[in-house]
């Protein structure tokens, strides 16, 4: 289990941003295909989101897995809630559920 300060840091990021993607790399330069896919889906909605590059800090990379109890990265959080990883985000996009979830955060 990760140290409490790391989990607190992650919790703060999740709660202070409407949409947060914990990913490998950045939206402009993703470093794995799954992170690239989720960042691309979010970019298609033209919605601002915070991105945390887990490759910069091993403690954050492990900590996000402990925080969500989810073993893989990327991880998407919307409105302070864990949404899921790449497969879940793709399924939500295909069904229209992602657009509904993002609707409160879309700018007019």
N, C-alpha and C. Protein backbone atom coordinates (compact mmCIF):
# COMPACT_ATOMS: atom_id res chain seq x y z
N UNK A 1 0.84 -1.19 0.00
CA UNK A 1 0.00 0.00 0.00
C UNK A 1 0.89 1.25 0.00
N UNK A 2 0.44 2.25 -0.71
CA UNK A 2 1.16 3.50 -0.86
C UNK A 2 1.09 4.33 0.42
N UNK A 3 2.01 5.26 0.53
CA UNK A 3 2.03 6.15 1.68
C UNK A 3 0.84 7.12 1.62
N UNK A 4 0.36 7.50 2.77
CA UNK A 4 -0.80 8.39 2.83
C UNK A 4 -0.57 9.73 2.13
N UNK A 5 0.62 10.35 2.24
CA UNK A 5 0.81 11.63 1.53
C UNK A 5 0.60 11.52 0.02
N UNK A 6 1.03 10.43 -0.58
CA UNK A 6 0.83 10.24 -2.03
C UNK A 6 -0.66 10.10 -2.33
N UNK A 7 -1.35 9.30 -1.54
CA UNK A 7 -2.79 9.12 -1.75
C UNK A 7 -3.54 10.43 -1.54
N UNK A 8 -3.12 11.22 -0.56
CA UNK A 8 -3.73 12.53 -0.33
C UNK A 8 -3.48 13.46 -1.51
N UNK A 9 -2.28 13.41 -2.05
CA UNK A 9 -1.93 14.24 -3.22
C UNK A 9 -2.81 13.85 -4.41
N UNK A 10 -2.97 12.56 -4.65
CA UNK A 10 -3.82 12.08 -5.75
C UNK A 10 -5.26 12.51 -5.52
N UNK A 11 -5.75 12.35 -4.29
CA UNK A 11 -7.12 12.72 -3.95
C UNK A 11 -7.37 14.20 -4.21
N UNK A 12 -6.39 15.02 -3.88
CA UNK A 12 -6.50 16.47 -4.10
C UNK A 12 -6.63 16.78 -5.59
N UNK A 13 -5.81 16.15 -6.42
CA UNK A 13 -5.86 16.36 -7.87
C UNK A 13 -7.22 15.93 -8.41
N UNK A 14 -7.71 14.77 -7.97
CA UNK A 14 -8.99 14.24 -8.45
C UNK A 14 -10.13 15.19 -8.06
N UNK A 15 -10.10 15.71 -6.85
CA UNK A 15 -11.20 16.53 -6.36
C UNK A 15 -11.14 17.97 -6.85
N UNK A 16 -9.95 18.46 -7.22
CA UNK A 16 -9.82 19.85 -7.65
C UNK A 16 -10.00 20.04 -9.15
N UNK A 17 -10.14 18.95 -9.90
CA UNK A 17 -10.31 19.03 -11.35
C UNK A 17 -11.57 18.28 -11.76
N UNK A 18 -12.36 18.89 -12.64
CA UNK A 18 -13.58 18.23 -13.10
C UNK A 18 -13.28 16.93 -13.83
N UNK A 19 -12.24 16.96 -14.65
CA UNK A 19 -11.87 15.79 -15.44
C UNK A 19 -10.36 15.62 -15.34
N UNK A 20 -9.94 14.43 -14.93
CA UNK A 20 -8.51 14.14 -14.77
C UNK A 20 -8.21 12.80 -15.42
N UNK A 21 -7.16 12.80 -16.22
CA UNK A 21 -6.68 11.56 -16.82
C UNK A 21 -5.27 11.28 -16.29
N UNK A 22 -5.15 10.19 -15.56
CA UNK A 22 -3.83 9.70 -15.15
C UNK A 22 -3.36 8.82 -16.29
N UNK A 23 -2.26 9.20 -16.90
CA UNK A 23 -1.83 8.54 -18.14
C UNK A 23 -0.32 8.40 -18.20
N UNK A 24 0.11 7.62 -19.16
CA UNK A 24 1.55 7.50 -19.44
C UNK A 24 1.86 8.50 -20.55
N UNK A 25 2.63 9.52 -20.18
CA UNK A 25 2.93 10.58 -21.12
C UNK A 25 1.99 11.75 -20.91
N UNK A 26 1.85 12.57 -21.94
CA UNK A 26 0.98 13.74 -21.90
C UNK A 26 -0.03 13.64 -23.05
N UNK A 27 -1.10 14.44 -23.01
CA UNK A 27 -2.04 14.41 -24.13
C UNK A 27 -1.37 14.74 -25.46
N UNK A 28 -0.37 15.62 -25.41
CA UNK A 28 0.34 16.00 -26.63
C UNK A 28 1.36 14.94 -27.06
N UNK A 29 1.86 14.18 -26.10
CA UNK A 29 2.86 13.16 -26.40
C UNK A 29 2.62 11.91 -25.53
N UNK A 30 1.54 11.18 -25.84
CA UNK A 30 1.25 9.97 -25.06
C UNK A 30 2.34 8.94 -25.25
N UNK A 31 2.61 8.17 -24.19
CA UNK A 31 3.68 7.19 -24.25
C UNK A 31 3.18 5.76 -24.20
N UNK A 32 1.88 5.59 -24.38
CA UNK A 32 1.34 4.24 -24.59
C UNK A 32 0.05 4.37 -25.39
N UNK A 33 -0.27 3.34 -26.12
CA UNK A 33 -1.43 3.36 -27.00
C UNK A 33 -2.74 3.57 -26.27
N UNK A 34 -2.88 2.97 -25.09
CA UNK A 34 -4.13 3.10 -24.34
C UNK A 34 -4.31 4.53 -23.85
N UNK A 35 -3.25 5.14 -23.36
CA UNK A 35 -3.31 6.54 -22.93
C UNK A 35 -3.64 7.43 -24.13
N UNK A 36 -3.04 7.13 -25.26
CA UNK A 36 -3.30 7.91 -26.48
C UNK A 36 -4.77 7.83 -26.87
N UNK A 37 -5.35 6.63 -26.78
CA UNK A 37 -6.76 6.46 -27.16
C UNK A 37 -7.68 7.28 -26.26
N UNK A 38 -7.46 7.22 -24.94
CA UNK A 38 -8.36 7.93 -24.02
C UNK A 38 -8.18 9.44 -24.18
N UNK A 39 -6.94 9.92 -24.28
CA UNK A 39 -6.70 11.36 -24.49
C UNK A 39 -7.36 11.80 -25.80
N UNK A 40 -7.27 10.98 -26.83
CA UNK A 40 -7.89 11.30 -28.11
C UNK A 40 -9.40 11.39 -28.01
N UNK A 41 -10.01 10.48 -27.26
CA UNK A 41 -11.46 10.51 -27.06
C UNK A 41 -11.86 11.81 -26.35
N UNK A 42 -11.14 12.15 -25.29
CA UNK A 42 -11.45 13.39 -24.56
C UNK A 42 -11.25 14.61 -25.46
N UNK A 43 -10.16 14.63 -26.23
CA UNK A 43 -9.89 15.75 -27.13
C UNK A 43 -10.98 15.90 -28.18
N UNK A 44 -11.57 14.79 -28.60
CA UNK A 44 -12.64 14.84 -29.60
C UNK A 44 -13.86 15.60 -29.07
N UNK A 45 -14.05 15.60 -27.77
CA UNK A 45 -15.15 16.35 -27.17
C UNK A 45 -14.80 17.83 -26.97
N UNK A 46 -13.55 18.18 -27.28
CA UNK A 46 -13.06 19.56 -27.13
C UNK A 46 -13.36 20.08 -25.72
N UNK A 47 -13.04 19.25 -24.74
CA UNK A 47 -13.28 19.59 -23.35
C UNK A 47 -11.95 19.65 -22.62
N UNK A 48 -11.74 20.68 -21.83
CA UNK A 48 -10.47 20.75 -21.10
C UNK A 48 -10.40 19.67 -20.02
N UNK A 49 -9.22 19.11 -19.85
CA UNK A 49 -9.03 18.11 -18.79
C UNK A 49 -7.61 18.20 -18.28
N UNK A 50 -7.46 17.84 -17.02
CA UNK A 50 -6.14 17.77 -16.41
C UNK A 50 -5.54 16.41 -16.74
N UNK A 51 -4.24 16.40 -16.95
CA UNK A 51 -3.55 15.13 -17.22
C UNK A 51 -2.37 15.02 -16.27
N UNK A 52 -2.20 13.83 -15.71
CA UNK A 52 -1.08 13.56 -14.83
C UNK A 52 -0.23 12.47 -15.48
N UNK A 53 1.02 12.79 -15.77
CA UNK A 53 1.94 11.85 -16.38
C UNK A 53 2.53 10.97 -15.27
N UNK A 54 2.05 9.74 -15.17
CA UNK A 54 2.50 8.84 -14.10
C UNK A 54 3.94 8.38 -14.29
N UNK A 55 4.49 8.58 -15.48
CA UNK A 55 5.87 8.16 -15.74
C UNK A 55 6.88 9.07 -15.04
N UNK A 56 6.43 10.24 -14.59
CA UNK A 56 7.34 11.18 -13.94
C UNK A 56 7.61 10.82 -12.48
N UNK A 57 6.74 9.99 -11.89
CA UNK A 57 6.87 9.70 -10.46
C UNK A 57 6.34 8.30 -10.18
N UNK A 58 7.25 7.39 -9.83
CA UNK A 58 6.87 6.01 -9.56
C UNK A 58 5.85 5.91 -8.42
N UNK A 59 5.96 6.80 -7.43
CA UNK A 59 5.02 6.77 -6.31
C UNK A 59 3.60 7.08 -6.79
N UNK A 60 3.47 8.03 -7.70
CA UNK A 60 2.15 8.36 -8.25
C UNK A 60 1.67 7.22 -9.15
N UNK A 61 2.59 6.64 -9.91
CA UNK A 61 2.22 5.54 -10.81
C UNK A 61 1.63 4.37 -10.02
N UNK A 62 2.24 4.03 -8.90
CA UNK A 62 1.69 2.96 -8.06
C UNK A 62 0.53 3.47 -7.23
N UNK A 63 0.64 4.70 -6.76
CA UNK A 63 -0.38 5.26 -5.89
C UNK A 63 -1.75 5.34 -6.53
N UNK A 64 -1.81 5.67 -7.82
CA UNK A 64 -3.12 5.78 -8.49
C UNK A 64 -3.79 4.41 -8.56
N UNK A 65 -2.99 3.36 -8.69
CA UNK A 65 -3.55 2.00 -8.71
C UNK A 65 -4.13 1.64 -7.35
N UNK A 66 -3.46 2.06 -6.28
CA UNK A 66 -3.96 1.81 -4.93
C UNK A 66 -5.19 2.68 -4.66
N UNK A 67 -5.14 3.92 -5.11
CA UNK A 67 -6.23 4.88 -4.88
C UNK A 67 -7.55 4.37 -5.46
N UNK A 68 -7.48 3.83 -6.67
CA UNK A 68 -8.70 3.39 -7.37
C UNK A 68 -8.97 1.90 -7.19
N UNK A 69 -7.97 1.18 -6.69
CA UNK A 69 -8.05 -0.28 -6.65
C UNK A 69 -8.27 -0.83 -8.07
N UNK A 70 -7.59 -0.19 -9.02
CA UNK A 70 -7.66 -0.56 -10.44
C UNK A 70 -6.23 -0.77 -10.92
N UNK A 71 -5.93 -1.90 -11.57
CA UNK A 71 -4.53 -2.27 -11.82
C UNK A 71 -3.84 -1.60 -13.00
N UNK A 72 -4.59 -0.91 -13.85
CA UNK A 72 -3.97 -0.43 -15.09
C UNK A 72 -4.09 1.09 -15.23
N UNK A 73 -3.27 1.60 -16.12
CA UNK A 73 -3.25 3.01 -16.49
C UNK A 73 -3.44 3.04 -18.01
N UNK A 74 -4.23 3.94 -18.55
CA UNK A 74 -4.75 5.18 -17.97
C UNK A 74 -5.97 4.95 -17.08
N UNK A 75 -6.23 5.98 -16.28
CA UNK A 75 -7.42 6.01 -15.43
C UNK A 75 -8.07 7.38 -15.58
N UNK A 76 -9.37 7.37 -15.83
CA UNK A 76 -10.13 8.60 -16.03
C UNK A 76 -11.04 8.86 -14.84
N UNK A 77 -11.02 10.10 -14.36
CA UNK A 77 -11.89 10.55 -13.27
C UNK A 77 -12.71 11.72 -13.78
N UNK A 78 -14.01 11.67 -13.55
CA UNK A 78 -14.91 12.76 -13.93
C UNK A 78 -15.74 13.12 -12.71
N UNK A 79 -15.73 14.40 -12.35
CA UNK A 79 -16.49 14.86 -11.20
C UNK A 79 -16.07 14.19 -9.91
N UNK A 80 -14.78 13.89 -9.80
CA UNK A 80 -14.26 13.27 -8.58
C UNK A 80 -14.49 11.78 -8.48
N UNK A 81 -15.10 11.19 -9.51
CA UNK A 81 -15.41 9.76 -9.49
C UNK A 81 -14.56 9.01 -10.51
N UNK A 82 -14.10 7.83 -10.12
CA UNK A 82 -13.35 6.97 -11.04
C UNK A 82 -14.30 6.44 -12.10
N UNK A 83 -13.96 6.65 -13.36
CA UNK A 83 -14.77 6.18 -14.48
C UNK A 83 -14.26 4.83 -14.96
N UNK A 84 -12.95 4.74 -15.22
CA UNK A 84 -12.39 3.48 -15.69
C UNK A 84 -11.16 3.72 -16.54
N UNK A 85 -10.74 2.64 -17.18
CA UNK A 85 -9.58 2.66 -18.05
C UNK A 85 -10.00 2.74 -19.51
N UNK A 86 -9.10 2.41 -20.39
CA UNK A 86 -9.30 2.56 -21.82
C UNK A 86 -10.53 1.79 -22.33
N UNK A 87 -10.65 0.52 -21.99
CA UNK A 87 -11.76 -0.28 -22.51
C UNK A 87 -13.11 0.28 -22.06
N UNK A 88 -13.20 0.67 -20.80
CA UNK A 88 -14.45 1.21 -20.28
C UNK A 88 -14.79 2.54 -20.95
N UNK A 89 -13.78 3.41 -21.11
CA UNK A 89 -14.01 4.70 -21.75
C UNK A 89 -14.47 4.49 -23.20
N UNK A 90 -13.85 3.56 -23.91
CA UNK A 90 -14.25 3.28 -25.30
C UNK A 90 -15.68 2.74 -25.35
N UNK A 91 -16.05 1.86 -24.43
CA UNK A 91 -17.42 1.34 -24.38
C UNK A 91 -18.41 2.46 -24.09
N UNK A 92 -18.06 3.33 -23.14
CA UNK A 92 -18.94 4.45 -22.80
C UNK A 92 -19.10 5.40 -23.98
N UNK A 93 -18.02 5.62 -24.71
CA UNK A 93 -18.11 6.50 -25.87
C UNK A 93 -19.04 5.88 -26.92
N UNK A 94 -18.87 4.59 -27.17
CA UNK A 94 -19.67 3.91 -28.19
C UNK A 94 -21.16 3.93 -27.84
N UNK A 95 -21.48 3.82 -26.56
CA UNK A 95 -22.89 3.75 -26.14
C UNK A 95 -23.52 5.13 -25.96
N UNK A 96 -22.70 6.19 -25.97
CA UNK A 96 -23.21 7.53 -25.73
C UNK A 96 -23.18 7.92 -24.25
N UNK A 97 -22.83 6.98 -23.39
CA UNK A 97 -22.80 7.25 -21.96
C UNK A 97 -21.73 8.28 -21.60
N UNK A 98 -20.60 8.25 -22.30
CA UNK A 98 -19.53 9.20 -22.00
C UNK A 98 -19.97 10.63 -22.28
N UNK A 99 -20.64 10.84 -23.40
CA UNK A 99 -21.14 12.18 -23.73
C UNK A 99 -22.08 12.68 -22.65
N UNK A 100 -22.94 11.81 -22.15
CA UNK A 100 -23.86 12.18 -21.07
C UNK A 100 -23.10 12.53 -19.80
N UNK A 101 -22.09 11.75 -19.47
CA UNK A 101 -21.30 11.98 -18.27
C UNK A 101 -20.53 13.29 -18.36
N UNK A 102 -20.07 13.62 -19.57
CA UNK A 102 -19.29 14.84 -19.77
C UNK A 102 -20.17 16.08 -19.94
N UNK A 103 -21.45 15.90 -20.23
CA UNK A 103 -22.33 17.03 -20.56
C UNK A 103 -22.26 18.19 -19.57
N UNK A 104 -22.24 17.94 -18.24
CA UNK A 104 -22.19 19.08 -17.31
C UNK A 104 -20.90 19.90 -17.43
N UNK A 105 -19.86 19.35 -18.04
CA UNK A 105 -18.57 20.01 -18.12
C UNK A 105 -18.28 20.62 -19.48
N UNK A 106 -19.18 20.39 -20.44
CA UNK A 106 -19.00 20.96 -21.78
C UNK A 106 -19.35 22.44 -21.74
N UNK A 107 -18.53 23.24 -22.37
CA UNK A 107 -18.81 24.68 -22.42
C UNK A 107 -19.76 24.97 -23.57
N UNK A 108 -20.58 25.96 -23.38
CA UNK A 108 -21.59 26.30 -24.39
C UNK A 108 -20.96 26.92 -25.61
